Every structure is written in structure tokens, then in C-alpha cells.
């Protein structure tokens, strides 16, 4: 009986979150093919790179850096992750623009989309995410290899590494160790 109790009390994935994760992985190539193979069954809380709240089964973290994920971040695929606090898709081969629906994730505290092939402007509604202000070395947002416009007193883009900003028509009004190309 002791062996059965942990399995019986395991958190099941919220149906909306399960749909969102499958939609996200379904549009990816490269490492996305492997991700779809690993993400099987209806319990996304046990999937690699996915962290859930033990009580509600809602996805709170999606951490998939350096997985070779290729392609666009499809439509509003991850917008259904309404309790998401951490999103790290860095060091992949994601293309397109940063989706504006990320600005609707009210609980988001950490966002890292660095070292992808993303282009365009950072959506203005990301400024509304109060949780993205840097409070330490781990929290805040990190963008590299994409044009960036930072408004004074809105967000601090700073981690242990220097901020790397590339593209055209960039404005940097403050910060230290910024690298522009």
C-alpha cells in the first residue's frame, strides 16, 4: 500500500495546460520532435522541463533551454498557461517575433528568450508585467539577438552577464556592460 499511495496522490495536469503544452510542442521541429515523444500521457506535471503546482496541477514553470527547439512560438499556444511564473526557452532555434500574449501572463516572474533567432520589437505589453522587474540575479527578463527599446524606469535588463542587444534602431538609456552590434 505504501508504494501505491505516492502514485495515487500525484498531481494531475490541468486540462487547459495540457492542451497548451501539446499545442506548443506540436508546431516545433528539431528538438520539438523529441519533446513530443517525451511528452506523452495526460500528466504533464511529470514531463521534462515542466513544473506544476502540487495542489492545482497548474503549470508554473516551463524550462527548456538548449533543447534544439526550432520554429515559431505558435500563436497563443502557451497563453493557456495562466499560472506560469517562469518561462525559459533560451539557446534554441526559435524564429519569428516575441508573441504579444506573453504580456498577458500575469504571474510571469522570469522570462528568458535569449540566443534564439527572434526578430522585431519586444511587445509593449511586457512592460505591464510587474513581476518581471529585476530583484536579484535570478529574476527579470533576458533578451539577446533581437532589437530592443528600453524605457527609463520601466524595466531593468540586467543579469550576471552583460546585456547584448543587436539589430537596428536600438536605444539604450541606461545600464552597465551593454554590448551593441
C-alpha atoms as a PDB file:
ATOM      1  CA  UNK A   1       0.000   0.000   0.000  1.00  0.00           C
ATOM      2  CA  UNK A   2       2.873   2.412   0.746  1.00  0.00           C
ATOM      3  CA  UNK A   3       4.080   2.071  -2.836  1.00  0.00           C
ATOM      4  CA  UNK A   4       0.642   2.875  -4.250  1.00  0.00           C
ATOM      5  CA  UNK A   5      -0.053   6.000  -2.201  1.00  0.00           C
ATOM      6  CA  UNK A   6       2.548   8.270  -3.857  1.00  0.00           C
ATOM      7  CA  UNK A   7       1.205   7.363  -7.297  1.00  0.00           C
ATOM      8  CA  UNK A   8      -2.373   7.922  -6.204  1.00  0.00           C
ATOM      9  CA  UNK A   9      -1.590  11.351  -4.782  1.00  0.00           C
ATOM     10  CA  UNK A  10       0.451  12.533  -7.782  1.00  0.00           C
ATOM     11  CA  UNK A  11      -0.779  15.837  -9.181  1.00  0.00           C
ATOM     12  CA  UNK A  12      -2.626  15.591 -12.453  1.00  0.00           C
ATOM     13  CA  UNK A  13      -2.142  18.220 -15.096  1.00  0.00           C
ATOM     14  CA  UNK A  14      -4.843  20.836 -15.644  1.00  0.00           C
ATOM     15  CA  UNK A  15      -6.627  20.156 -18.958  1.00  0.00           C
ATOM     16  CA  UNK A  16      -6.027  23.701 -20.297  1.00  0.00           C
ATOM     17  CA  UNK A  17      -2.312  23.472 -19.537  1.00  0.00           C
ATOM     18  CA  UNK A  18      -2.068  20.064 -21.179  1.00  0.00           C
ATOM     19  CA  UNK A  19      -3.668  21.478 -24.350  1.00  0.00           C
ATOM     20  CA  UNK A  20      -1.346  24.491 -24.318  1.00  0.00           C
ATOM     21  CA  UNK A  21       1.820  22.413 -23.973  1.00  0.00           C
ATOM     22  CA  UNK A  22       0.777  19.983 -26.687  1.00  0.00           C
ATOM     23  CA  UNK A  23      -0.065  22.898 -28.995  1.00  0.00           C
ATOM     24  CA  UNK A  24       3.334  24.458 -28.364  1.00  0.00           C
ATOM     25  CA  UNK A  25       5.299  21.248 -28.992  1.00  0.00           C
ATOM     26  CA  UNK A  26       3.143  20.289 -31.961  1.00  0.00           C
ATOM     27  CA  UNK A  27       4.382  23.214 -34.055  1.00  0.00           C
ATOM     28  CA  UNK A  28       8.102  22.763 -33.409  1.00  0.00           C
ATOM     29  CA  UNK A  29      10.721  20.934 -35.404  1.00  0.00           C
ATOM     30  CA  UNK A  30      14.263  19.943 -34.477  1.00  0.00           C
ATOM     31  CA  UNK A  31      14.280  19.126 -30.775  1.00  0.00           C
ATOM     32  CA  UNK A  32      10.500  19.617 -30.777  1.00  0.00           C
ATOM     33  CA  UNK A  33      10.115  16.174 -32.338  1.00  0.00           C
ATOM     34  CA  UNK A  34      11.950  14.622 -29.386  1.00  0.00           C
ATOM     35  CA  UNK A  35       9.980  16.788 -26.986  1.00  0.00           C
ATOM     36  CA  UNK A  36       6.670  15.495 -28.405  1.00  0.00           C
ATOM     37  CA  UNK A  37       7.902  11.927 -27.988  1.00  0.00           C
ATOM     38  CA  UNK A  38       8.893  12.542 -24.344  1.00  0.00           C
ATOM     39  CA  UNK A  39       5.720  14.460 -23.546  1.00  0.00           C
ATOM     40  CA  UNK A  40       3.227  11.631 -23.651  1.00  0.00           C
ATOM     41  CA  UNK A  41       0.245  10.808 -21.494  1.00  0.00           C
ATOM     42  CA  UNK A  42      -2.094  13.131 -19.647  1.00  0.00           C
ATOM     43  CA  UNK A  43       0.132  14.006 -16.692  1.00  0.00           C
ATOM     44  CA  UNK A  44       2.202  16.950 -17.930  1.00  0.00           C
ATOM     45  CA  UNK A  45       3.330  17.639 -14.355  1.00  0.00           C
ATOM     46  CA  UNK A  46       5.825  14.802 -14.730  1.00  0.00           C
ATOM     47  CA  UNK A  47       7.141  15.916 -18.126  1.00  0.00           C
ATOM     48  CA  UNK A  48      10.727  17.067 -18.510  1.00  0.00           C
ATOM     49  CA  UNK A  49      11.049  20.848 -18.268  1.00  0.00           C
ATOM     50  CA  UNK A  50       7.554  21.321 -16.801  1.00  0.00           C
ATOM     51  CA  UNK A  51       6.963  22.353 -13.196  1.00  0.00           C
ATOM     52  CA  UNK A  52       3.481  22.308 -11.647  1.00  0.00           C
ATOM     53  CA  UNK A  53       1.782  23.488  -8.502  1.00  0.00           C
ATOM     54  CA  UNK A  54       1.221  20.417  -6.327  1.00  0.00           C
ATOM     55  CA  UNK A  55      -2.292  21.437  -5.306  1.00  0.00           C
ATOM     56  CA  UNK A  56      -3.908  22.724  -8.501  1.00  0.00           C
ATOM     57  CA  UNK A  57      -1.914  20.903 -11.164  1.00  0.00           C
ATOM     58  CA  UNK A  58      -1.366  24.207 -12.984  1.00  0.00           C
ATOM     59  CA  UNK A  59       1.920  24.635 -14.862  1.00  0.00           C
ATOM     60  CA  UNK A  60       4.076  27.207 -13.099  1.00  0.00           C
ATOM     61  CA  UNK A  61       7.388  26.721 -14.935  1.00  0.00           C
ATOM     62  CA  UNK A  62       8.415  25.794 -18.463  1.00  0.00           C
ATOM     63  CA  UNK A  63      12.202  25.456 -18.575  1.00  0.00           C
ATOM     64  CA  UNK A  64      13.507  24.197 -21.932  1.00  0.00           C
ATOM     65  CA  UNK A  65      16.832  25.953 -22.580  1.00  0.00           C
ATOM     66  CA  UNK A  66      19.199  24.464 -25.157  1.00  0.00           C
ATOM     67  CA  UNK A  67      16.872  21.730 -26.408  1.00  0.00           C
ATOM     68  CA  UNK A  68      17.274  22.440 -30.137  1.00  0.00           C
ATOM     69  CA  UNK A  69      13.651  23.568 -30.410  1.00  0.00           C
ATOM     70  CA  UNK A  70      13.151  25.074 -33.871  1.00  0.00           C
ATOM     71  CA  UNK A  71      10.328  27.034 -35.447  1.00  0.00           C
ATOM     72  CA  UNK A  72       7.966  29.786 -34.384  1.00  0.00           C
ATOM     73  CA  UNK A  73       6.357  30.085 -30.980  1.00  0.00           C
ATOM     74  CA  UNK A  74       2.941  29.255 -32.354  1.00  0.00           C
ATOM     75  CA  UNK A  75       0.028  31.644 -31.991  1.00  0.00           C
ATOM     76  CA  UNK A  76      -1.298  31.700 -28.493  1.00  0.00           C
ATOM     77  CA  UNK A  77      -0.082  28.174 -27.738  1.00  0.00           C
ATOM     78  CA  UNK A  78       1.334  28.881 -24.292  1.00  0.00           C
ATOM     79  CA  UNK A  79      -1.152  31.640 -23.443  1.00  0.00           C
ATOM     80  CA  UNK A  80      -3.284  28.984 -21.751  1.00  0.00           C
ATOM     81  CA  UNK A  81      -0.643  28.596 -19.043  1.00  0.00           C
ATOM     82  CA  UNK A  82      -2.344  31.242 -16.909  1.00  0.00           C
ATOM     83  CA  UNK A  83      -0.343  30.460 -13.746  1.00  0.00           C
ATOM     84  CA  UNK A  84       3.051  30.441 -15.483  1.00  0.00           C
ATOM     85  CA  UNK A  85       5.758  32.123 -13.386  1.00  0.00           C
ATOM     86  CA  UNK A  86       8.934  31.053 -15.224  1.00  0.00           C
ATOM     87  CA  UNK A  87       9.485  30.696 -18.979  1.00  0.00           C
ATOM     88  CA  UNK A  88      12.957  29.819 -20.249  1.00  0.00           C
ATOM     89  CA  UNK A  89      13.244  28.950 -23.939  1.00  0.00           C
ATOM     90  CA  UNK A  90      16.791  30.287 -24.311  1.00  0.00           C
ATOM     91  CA  UNK A  91      19.504  28.800 -26.531  1.00  0.00           C
ATOM     92  CA  UNK A  92      17.146  27.228 -29.060  1.00  0.00           C
ATOM     93  CA  UNK A  93      16.358  27.991 -32.699  1.00  0.00           C
ATOM     94  CA  UNK A  94      13.014  29.705 -32.263  1.00  0.00           C
ATOM     95  CA  UNK A  95      12.092  32.099 -35.085  1.00  0.00           C
ATOM     96  CA  UNK A  96       9.617  34.923 -35.581  1.00  0.00           C
ATOM     97  CA  UNK A  97       8.733  37.640 -33.130  1.00  0.00           C
ATOM     98  CA  UNK A  98       8.192  37.609 -29.376  1.00  0.00           C
ATOM     99  CA  UNK A  99       4.467  36.836 -29.063  1.00  0.00           C
ATOM    100  CA  UNK A 100       2.360  39.604 -27.548  1.00  0.00           C
ATOM    101  CA  UNK A 101       0.339  37.116 -25.477  1.00  0.00           C
ATOM    102  CA  UNK A 102       3.378  36.766 -23.173  1.00  0.00           C
ATOM    103  CA  UNK A 103       2.357  40.175 -21.810  1.00  0.00           C
ATOM    104  CA  UNK A 104      -0.926  38.633 -20.648  1.00  0.00           C
ATOM    105  CA  UNK A 105       0.754  36.090 -18.361  1.00  0.00           C
ATOM    106  CA  UNK A 106       0.056  37.981 -15.145  1.00  0.00           C
ATOM    107  CA  UNK A 107       2.115  35.728 -12.881  1.00  0.00           C
ATOM    108  CA  UNK A 108       5.270  35.685 -15.014  1.00  0.00           C
ATOM    109  CA  UNK A 109       8.375  36.494 -12.928  1.00  0.00           C
ATOM    110  CA  UNK A 110      11.163  35.156 -15.143  1.00  0.00           C
ATOM    111  CA  UNK A 111      11.414  35.269 -18.926  1.00  0.00           C
ATOM    112  CA  UNK A 112      14.469  34.223 -20.932  1.00  0.00           C
ATOM    113  CA  UNK A 113      14.208  34.041 -24.710  1.00  0.00           C
ATOM    114  CA  UNK A 114      17.879  34.794 -25.302  1.00  0.00           C
ATOM    115  CA  UNK A 115      20.010  33.207 -28.006  1.00  0.00           C
ATOM    116  CA  UNK A 116      17.207  32.378 -30.417  1.00  0.00           C
ATOM    117  CA  UNK A 117      16.508  33.775 -33.875  1.00  0.00           C
ATOM    118  CA  UNK A 118      13.742  36.122 -32.759  1.00  0.00           C
ATOM    119  CA  UNK A 119      13.363  39.456 -34.538  1.00  0.00           C
ATOM    120  CA  UNK A 120      11.236  42.576 -34.228  1.00  0.00           C
ATOM    121  CA  UNK A 121      10.289  44.707 -31.286  1.00  0.00           C
ATOM    122  CA  UNK A 122       9.596  43.483 -27.793  1.00  0.00           C
ATOM    123  CA  UNK A 123       5.801  43.713 -27.345  1.00  0.00           C
ATOM    124  CA  UNK A 124       4.851  46.825 -25.411  1.00  0.00           C
ATOM    125  CA  UNK A 125       2.503  44.914 -23.123  1.00  0.00           C
ATOM    126  CA  UNK A 126       5.500  43.191 -21.493  1.00  0.00           C
ATOM    127  CA  UNK A 127       6.029  46.485 -19.662  1.00  0.00           C
ATOM    128  CA  UNK A 128       2.771  45.801 -17.792  1.00  0.00           C
ATOM    129  CA  UNK A 129       4.159  42.639 -16.194  1.00  0.00           C
ATOM    130  CA  UNK A 130       5.077  43.891 -12.750  1.00  0.00           C
ATOM    131  CA  UNK A 131       6.727  40.626 -11.769  1.00  0.00           C
ATOM    132  CA  UNK A 132       9.464  40.988 -14.394  1.00  0.00           C
ATOM    133  CA  UNK A 133      11.329  43.751 -12.600  1.00  0.00           C
ATOM    134  CA  UNK A 134      14.774  42.516 -11.619  1.00  0.00           C
ATOM    135  CA  UNK A 135      15.015  41.897  -7.889  1.00  0.00           C
ATOM    136  CA  UNK A 136      18.132  39.736  -7.891  1.00  0.00           C
ATOM    137  CA  UNK A 137      20.421  37.719 -10.075  1.00  0.00           C
ATOM    138  CA  UNK A 138      17.789  35.141 -10.973  1.00  0.00           C
ATOM    139  CA  UNK A 139      14.694  37.202 -11.642  1.00  0.00           C
ATOM    140  CA  UNK A 140      13.985  39.506 -14.555  1.00  0.00           C
ATOM    141  CA  UNK A 141      13.963  39.114 -18.298  1.00  0.00           C
ATOM    142  CA  UNK A 142      16.767  38.419 -20.694  1.00  0.00           C
ATOM    143  CA  UNK A 143      16.675  39.043 -24.427  1.00  0.00           C
ATOM    144  CA  UNK A 144      19.566  38.790 -26.823  1.00  0.00           C
ATOM    145  CA  UNK A 145      19.899  38.814 -30.577  1.00  0.00           C
ATOM    146  CA  UNK A 146      16.851  40.995 -31.084  1.00  0.00           C
ATOM    147  CA  UNK A 147      16.126  44.728 -31.358  1.00  0.00           C
ATOM    148  CA  UNK A 148      15.218  46.226 -28.027  1.00  0.00           C
ATOM    149  CA  UNK A 149      13.875  49.528 -26.777  1.00  0.00           C
ATOM    150  CA  UNK A 150      14.144  50.107 -23.036  1.00  0.00           C
ATOM    151  CA  UNK A 151      12.203  52.965 -21.474  1.00  0.00           C
ATOM    152  CA  UNK A 152      13.706  54.607 -18.387  1.00  0.00           C
ATOM    153  CA  UNK A 153      12.223  53.448 -15.060  1.00  0.00           C
ATOM    154  CA  UNK A 154      10.242  50.666 -16.732  1.00  0.00           C
ATOM    155  CA  UNK A 155      12.424  47.550 -16.719  1.00  0.00           C
ATOM    156  CA  UNK A 156      15.978  46.733 -15.842  1.00  0.00           C
ATOM    157  CA  UNK A 157      17.595  44.250 -18.206  1.00  0.00           C
ATOM    158  CA  UNK A 158      20.484  43.033 -16.168  1.00  0.00           C
ATOM    159  CA  UNK A 159      21.720  39.663 -15.014  1.00  0.00           C
ATOM    160  CA  UNK A 160      25.140  38.266 -14.271  1.00  0.00           C
ATOM    161  CA  UNK A 161      26.007  38.502 -17.968  1.00  0.00           C
ATOM    162  CA  UNK A 162      26.144  41.743 -19.946  1.00  0.00           C
ATOM    163  CA  UNK A 163      23.066  42.767 -21.919  1.00  0.00           C
ATOM    164  CA  UNK A 164      23.593  42.002 -25.598  1.00  0.00           C
ATOM    165  CA  UNK A 165      21.427  43.981 -27.988  1.00  0.00           C
ATOM    166  CA  UNK A 166      21.639  43.656 -31.753  1.00  0.00           C
ATOM    167  CA  UNK A 167      19.623  44.941 -34.690  1.00  0.00           C
ATOM    168  CA  UNK A 168      18.798  48.433 -35.887  1.00  0.00           C
ATOM    169  CA  UNK A 169      17.203  51.498 -34.278  1.00  0.00           C
ATOM    170  CA  UNK A 170      18.114  50.448 -30.739  1.00  0.00           C
ATOM    171  CA  UNK A 171      18.022  52.914 -27.872  1.00  0.00           C
ATOM    172  CA  UNK A 172      19.749  52.186 -24.586  1.00  0.00           C
ATOM    173  CA  UNK A 173      19.245  54.848 -21.981  1.00  0.00           C
ATOM    174  CA  UNK A 174      20.879  53.179 -19.016  1.00  0.00           C
ATOM    175  CA  UNK A 175      22.621  50.073 -17.807  1.00  0.00           C
ATOM    176  CA  UNK A 176      26.120  48.762 -17.453  1.00  0.00           C
ATOM    177  CA  UNK A 177      28.152  46.416 -19.616  1.00  0.00           C
ATOM    178  CA  UNK A 178      25.776  46.681 -22.581  1.00  0.00           C
ATOM    179  CA  UNK A 179      27.099  45.351 -25.886  1.00  0.00           C
ATOM    180  CA  UNK A 180      25.593  46.786 -29.078  1.00  0.00           C
ATOM    181  CA  UNK A 181      26.106  45.481 -32.581  1.00  0.00           C
END
